[in-house]
Amino acid sequence: MADECTVSVMAGVCRKNSKIHVKQNDDGMTVTITIESDCPMVSKNPIPTDIIAWEEVGAPFDQSKVYAWASENIRHTACPVPCCIIKGIEVASGLGLKKNPEISIE
């Protein structure tokens, strides 16, 4: 089990970089997420602190705390940061393998 991970994201045309740090808490259920970002939309409000990893990873989009946070803070729907936060939660909590996602536009 990983218990922590860092996900680095260069979002695309905006060239904004984000570094997402996810650490599983001692209770083995919740995670702490911190984000360093060049993007003012990503960095202006902290991500919720009461995220239970297995609930978040399995939540429908409309019930995800991460996507609710993104809806309130990020105005670009195609931003990959929310997805990368979820991937970080998966890895840090042992619910997913450490494998890079990839997006290619041709």
N, C-alpha and C. Protein backbone atom coordinates (compact mmCIF):
# COMPACT_ATOMS: atom_id res chain seq x y z
N MET A 1 0.85 -1.18 0.00
CA MET A 1 0.00 0.00 0.00
C MET A 1 0.89 1.23 0.00
N ALA A 2 0.56 2.23 -0.81
CA ALA A 2 1.40 3.41 -1.00
C ALA A 2 1.38 4.33 0.21
N ASP A 3 0.28 4.71 0.72
CA ASP A 3 -0.04 5.62 1.81
C ASP A 3 0.25 7.09 1.53
N GLU A 4 0.93 7.39 0.44
CA GLU A 4 1.04 8.77 -0.03
C GLU A 4 1.52 8.78 -1.46
N CYS A 5 1.21 9.86 -2.16
CA CYS A 5 1.71 10.02 -3.51
C CYS A 5 1.63 11.49 -3.91
N THR A 6 2.38 11.81 -4.95
CA THR A 6 2.34 13.15 -5.54
C THR A 6 2.01 13.00 -7.01
N VAL A 7 1.06 13.79 -7.46
CA VAL A 7 0.65 13.78 -8.87
C VAL A 7 0.98 15.16 -9.44
N SER A 8 1.76 15.19 -10.51
CA SER A 8 2.11 16.44 -11.18
C SER A 8 1.28 16.56 -12.45
N VAL A 9 0.71 17.75 -12.65
CA VAL A 9 -0.20 17.98 -13.78
C VAL A 9 0.19 19.26 -14.50
N MET A 10 0.37 19.18 -15.82
CA MET A 10 0.46 20.37 -16.65
C MET A 10 -0.83 20.34 -17.45
N ALA A 11 -1.72 21.27 -17.14
CA ALA A 11 -3.11 21.17 -17.58
C ALA A 11 -3.34 21.27 -19.08
N GLY A 12 -2.49 21.89 -19.83
CA GLY A 12 -2.70 21.98 -21.27
C GLY A 12 -2.34 23.35 -21.81
N VAL A 13 -3.25 23.91 -22.60
CA VAL A 13 -2.99 25.18 -23.27
C VAL A 13 -2.67 26.29 -22.27
N CYS A 14 -3.26 26.26 -21.12
CA CYS A 14 -3.01 27.29 -20.10
C CYS A 14 -1.59 27.22 -19.55
N ARG A 15 -0.94 26.05 -19.71
CA ARG A 15 0.42 25.81 -19.23
C ARG A 15 0.56 25.94 -17.71
N LYS A 16 -0.55 25.84 -17.00
CA LYS A 16 -0.53 25.92 -15.53
C LYS A 16 -0.14 24.57 -14.96
N ASN A 17 0.78 24.60 -14.02
CA ASN A 17 1.25 23.38 -13.37
C ASN A 17 0.64 23.25 -11.99
N SER A 18 0.29 22.05 -11.63
CA SER A 18 -0.21 21.75 -10.29
C SER A 18 0.51 20.52 -9.77
N LYS A 19 0.81 20.55 -8.48
CA LYS A 19 1.40 19.41 -7.80
C LYS A 19 0.44 19.05 -6.69
N ILE A 20 -0.10 17.85 -6.76
CA ILE A 20 -1.12 17.38 -5.83
C ILE A 20 -0.46 16.36 -4.90
N HIS A 21 -0.50 16.62 -3.61
CA HIS A 21 0.06 15.71 -2.61
C HIS A 21 -1.11 15.06 -1.86
N VAL A 22 -1.15 13.75 -1.84
CA VAL A 22 -2.20 13.01 -1.14
C VAL A 22 -1.54 12.07 -0.14
N LYS A 23 -1.99 12.14 1.09
CA LYS A 23 -1.45 11.28 2.14
C LYS A 23 -2.60 10.62 2.87
N GLN A 24 -2.50 9.31 3.02
CA GLN A 24 -3.51 8.60 3.79
C GLN A 24 -3.29 8.91 5.28
N ASN A 25 -4.35 9.22 5.97
CA ASN A 25 -4.26 9.53 7.39
C ASN A 25 -4.13 8.26 8.22
N ASP A 26 -3.75 8.41 9.47
CA ASP A 26 -3.52 7.27 10.36
C ASP A 26 -4.75 6.39 10.55
N ASP A 27 -5.96 6.96 10.34
CA ASP A 27 -7.17 6.15 10.51
C ASP A 27 -7.35 5.14 9.38
N GLY A 28 -6.54 5.26 8.31
CA GLY A 28 -6.61 4.32 7.19
C GLY A 28 -7.81 4.53 6.28
N MET A 29 -8.63 5.53 6.56
CA MET A 29 -9.84 5.77 5.76
C MET A 29 -9.81 7.11 5.04
N THR A 30 -9.37 8.14 5.74
CA THR A 30 -9.40 9.49 5.17
C THR A 30 -8.04 9.86 4.60
N VAL A 31 -8.05 10.88 3.75
CA VAL A 31 -6.82 11.37 3.13
C VAL A 31 -6.70 12.88 3.35
N THR A 32 -5.46 13.34 3.37
CA THR A 32 -5.17 14.76 3.40
C THR A 32 -4.61 15.13 2.03
N ILE A 33 -5.17 16.18 1.44
CA ILE A 33 -4.78 16.61 0.11
C ILE A 33 -4.28 18.04 0.18
N THR A 34 -3.10 18.28 -0.35
CA THR A 34 -2.60 19.64 -0.49
C THR A 34 -2.21 19.85 -1.94
N ILE A 35 -2.41 21.06 -2.42
CA ILE A 35 -2.14 21.35 -3.83
C ILE A 35 -1.31 22.62 -3.93
N GLU A 36 -0.22 22.52 -4.69
CA GLU A 36 0.57 23.68 -5.08
C GLU A 36 0.26 23.89 -6.56
N SER A 37 -0.15 25.12 -6.93
CA SER A 37 -0.54 25.32 -8.32
C SER A 37 -0.26 26.74 -8.79
N ASP A 38 0.10 26.85 -10.07
CA ASP A 38 0.23 28.15 -10.73
C ASP A 38 -1.13 28.75 -11.04
N CYS A 39 -2.16 27.91 -11.01
CA CYS A 39 -3.51 28.34 -11.40
C CYS A 39 -4.23 28.95 -10.20
N PRO A 40 -4.68 30.18 -10.30
CA PRO A 40 -5.38 30.79 -9.18
C PRO A 40 -6.73 30.12 -8.87
N MET A 41 -7.34 29.50 -9.87
CA MET A 41 -8.61 28.82 -9.61
C MET A 41 -8.40 27.55 -8.79
N VAL A 42 -7.31 26.85 -9.04
CA VAL A 42 -7.01 25.62 -8.31
C VAL A 42 -6.50 25.92 -6.91
N SER A 43 -5.75 27.00 -6.77
CA SER A 43 -5.10 27.27 -5.49
C SER A 43 -5.87 28.21 -4.56
N LYS A 44 -6.96 28.82 -5.02
CA LYS A 44 -7.62 29.84 -4.19
C LYS A 44 -8.37 29.29 -2.98
N ASN A 45 -8.93 28.10 -3.07
CA ASN A 45 -9.66 27.51 -1.94
C ASN A 45 -9.16 26.11 -1.68
N PRO A 46 -8.92 25.78 -0.42
CA PRO A 46 -8.42 24.43 -0.13
C PRO A 46 -9.46 23.36 -0.45
N ILE A 47 -8.95 22.20 -0.78
CA ILE A 47 -9.79 21.04 -1.05
C ILE A 47 -10.42 20.58 0.27
N PRO A 48 -11.60 19.99 0.27
CA PRO A 48 -12.21 19.52 1.52
C PRO A 48 -11.30 18.56 2.29
N THR A 49 -11.40 18.60 3.61
CA THR A 49 -10.51 17.79 4.45
C THR A 49 -11.18 16.51 4.95
N ASP A 50 -12.45 16.35 4.72
CA ASP A 50 -13.17 15.20 5.26
C ASP A 50 -13.45 14.14 4.19
N ILE A 51 -12.46 13.87 3.36
CA ILE A 51 -12.64 12.92 2.27
C ILE A 51 -12.28 11.51 2.72
N ILE A 52 -13.24 10.61 2.62
CA ILE A 52 -13.02 9.19 2.89
C ILE A 52 -12.67 8.55 1.55
N ALA A 53 -11.47 8.00 1.48
CA ALA A 53 -10.91 7.55 0.20
C ALA A 53 -11.84 6.62 -0.58
N TRP A 54 -12.27 5.52 0.02
CA TRP A 54 -13.07 4.54 -0.73
C TRP A 54 -14.41 5.11 -1.16
N GLU A 55 -14.98 6.03 -0.37
CA GLU A 55 -16.25 6.67 -0.78
C GLU A 55 -16.01 7.58 -1.98
N GLU A 56 -14.93 8.35 -1.94
CA GLU A 56 -14.65 9.31 -3.02
C GLU A 56 -14.32 8.60 -4.32
N VAL A 57 -13.50 7.58 -4.25
CA VAL A 57 -13.10 6.85 -5.46
C VAL A 57 -14.30 6.17 -6.12
N GLY A 58 -15.27 5.74 -5.33
CA GLY A 58 -16.44 5.05 -5.87
C GLY A 58 -17.66 5.94 -6.08
N ALA A 59 -17.53 7.22 -5.80
CA ALA A 59 -18.69 8.12 -5.89
C ALA A 59 -19.04 8.46 -7.33
N PRO A 60 -20.34 8.58 -7.62
CA PRO A 60 -20.73 9.13 -8.92
C PRO A 60 -20.22 10.58 -9.01
N PHE A 61 -20.00 11.07 -10.20
CA PHE A 61 -19.47 12.42 -10.38
C PHE A 61 -20.27 13.46 -9.60
N ASP A 62 -21.59 13.35 -9.61
CA ASP A 62 -22.42 14.36 -8.96
C ASP A 62 -22.44 14.24 -7.44
N GLN A 63 -21.78 13.23 -6.89
CA GLN A 63 -21.70 13.08 -5.44
C GLN A 63 -20.26 13.17 -4.93
N SER A 64 -19.33 13.43 -5.81
CA SER A 64 -17.90 13.52 -5.46
C SER A 64 -17.60 14.85 -4.79
N LYS A 65 -16.92 14.80 -3.65
CA LYS A 65 -16.50 16.03 -2.97
C LYS A 65 -15.44 16.76 -3.79
N VAL A 66 -14.60 16.03 -4.48
CA VAL A 66 -13.57 16.65 -5.32
C VAL A 66 -14.22 17.39 -6.48
N TYR A 67 -15.17 16.75 -7.16
CA TYR A 67 -15.82 17.40 -8.29
C TYR A 67 -16.75 18.53 -7.83
N ALA A 68 -17.32 18.45 -6.65
CA ALA A 68 -18.10 19.57 -6.11
C ALA A 68 -17.18 20.76 -5.86
N TRP A 69 -16.01 20.50 -5.28
CA TRP A 69 -15.01 21.55 -5.06
C TRP A 69 -14.60 22.16 -6.40
N ALA A 70 -14.34 21.31 -7.40
CA ALA A 70 -13.95 21.79 -8.72
C ALA A 70 -15.05 22.64 -9.36
N SER A 71 -16.30 22.24 -9.20
CA SER A 71 -17.42 23.00 -9.75
C SER A 71 -17.51 24.40 -9.17
N GLU A 72 -17.12 24.52 -7.91
CA GLU A 72 -17.16 25.83 -7.24
C GLU A 72 -15.95 26.70 -7.55
N ASN A 73 -14.84 26.09 -7.97
CA ASN A 73 -13.59 26.83 -8.07
C ASN A 73 -12.97 26.90 -9.45
N ILE A 74 -13.18 25.90 -10.28
CA ILE A 74 -12.50 25.83 -11.58
C ILE A 74 -13.51 26.09 -12.68
N ARG A 75 -13.27 27.10 -13.48
CA ARG A 75 -14.22 27.49 -14.53
C ARG A 75 -14.02 26.76 -15.85
N HIS A 76 -12.99 25.96 -15.96
CA HIS A 76 -12.72 25.26 -17.21
C HIS A 76 -13.05 23.78 -17.03
N THR A 77 -14.13 23.34 -17.59
CA THR A 77 -14.64 21.99 -17.39
C THR A 77 -13.65 20.91 -17.85
N ALA A 78 -12.82 21.21 -18.82
CA ALA A 78 -11.87 20.23 -19.33
C ALA A 78 -10.60 20.14 -18.48
N CYS A 79 -10.50 20.89 -17.43
CA CYS A 79 -9.31 20.86 -16.58
C CYS A 79 -9.08 19.44 -16.04
N PRO A 80 -7.88 18.90 -16.19
CA PRO A 80 -7.61 17.54 -15.71
C PRO A 80 -7.29 17.45 -14.21
N VAL A 81 -7.17 18.57 -13.53
CA VAL A 81 -6.78 18.54 -12.11
C VAL A 81 -7.74 17.72 -11.25
N PRO A 82 -9.07 17.87 -11.35
CA PRO A 82 -9.95 17.06 -10.49
C PRO A 82 -9.74 15.55 -10.68
N CYS A 83 -9.61 15.11 -11.90
CA CYS A 83 -9.37 13.69 -12.17
C CYS A 83 -8.06 13.25 -11.53
N CYS A 84 -7.04 14.09 -11.62
CA CYS A 84 -5.73 13.74 -11.06
C CYS A 84 -5.77 13.70 -9.54
N ILE A 85 -6.61 14.50 -8.92
CA ILE A 85 -6.79 14.42 -7.47
C ILE A 85 -7.36 13.05 -7.11
N ILE A 86 -8.39 12.63 -7.84
CA ILE A 86 -9.00 11.32 -7.60
C ILE A 86 -7.98 10.20 -7.80
N LYS A 87 -7.17 10.29 -8.86
CA LYS A 87 -6.14 9.28 -9.09
C LYS A 87 -5.16 9.24 -7.92
N GLY A 88 -4.80 10.40 -7.40
CA GLY A 88 -3.91 10.46 -6.24
C GLY A 88 -4.52 9.81 -5.01
N ILE A 89 -5.81 10.04 -4.81
CA ILE A 89 -6.52 9.41 -3.68
C ILE A 89 -6.48 7.89 -3.84
N GLU A 90 -6.74 7.41 -5.04
CA GLU A 90 -6.71 5.97 -5.32
C GLU A 90 -5.37 5.35 -4.93
N VAL A 91 -4.30 5.97 -5.40
CA VAL A 91 -2.97 5.42 -5.17
C VAL A 91 -2.58 5.49 -3.70
N ALA A 92 -2.76 6.67 -3.09
CA ALA A 92 -2.34 6.86 -1.70
C ALA A 92 -3.09 5.94 -0.74
N SER A 93 -4.31 5.60 -1.08
CA SER A 93 -5.11 4.77 -0.18
C SER A 93 -5.05 3.28 -0.54
N GLY A 94 -4.27 2.93 -1.54
CA GLY A 94 -4.14 1.53 -1.91
C GLY A 94 -5.31 0.99 -2.70
N LEU A 95 -6.13 1.88 -3.27
CA LEU A 95 -7.30 1.45 -4.04
C LEU A 95 -7.05 1.41 -5.54
N GLY A 96 -5.86 1.82 -5.94
CA GLY A 96 -5.50 1.81 -7.36
C GLY A 96 -4.00 1.70 -7.50
N LEU A 97 -3.57 1.26 -8.65
CA LEU A 97 -2.15 1.09 -8.90
C LEU A 97 -1.51 2.40 -9.34
N LYS A 98 -0.22 2.51 -9.08
CA LYS A 98 0.54 3.69 -9.45
C LYS A 98 0.89 3.58 -10.94
N LYS A 99 0.00 4.05 -11.77
CA LYS A 99 0.17 4.00 -13.22
C LYS A 99 -0.30 5.33 -13.80
N ASN A 100 0.53 5.96 -14.62
CA ASN A 100 0.20 7.27 -15.17
C ASN A 100 -0.93 7.19 -16.18
N PRO A 101 -1.95 8.05 -16.02
CA PRO A 101 -2.94 8.20 -17.09
C PRO A 101 -2.29 9.00 -18.22
N GLU A 102 -2.86 8.94 -19.39
CA GLU A 102 -2.29 9.67 -20.51
C GLU A 102 -3.40 10.23 -21.38
N ILE A 103 -3.25 11.47 -21.77
CA ILE A 103 -4.17 12.11 -22.72
C ILE A 103 -3.33 12.57 -23.90
N SER A 104 -3.71 12.18 -25.10
CA SER A 104 -3.02 12.64 -26.30
C SER A 104 -4.06 13.21 -27.25
N ILE A 105 -3.80 14.40 -27.75
CA ILE A 105 -4.73 15.04 -28.68
C ILE A 105 -4.03 15.17 -30.02
N GLU A 106 -4.66 14.62 -31.05
CA GLU A 106 -4.06 14.63 -32.40
C GLU A 106 -4.95 15.34 -33.37
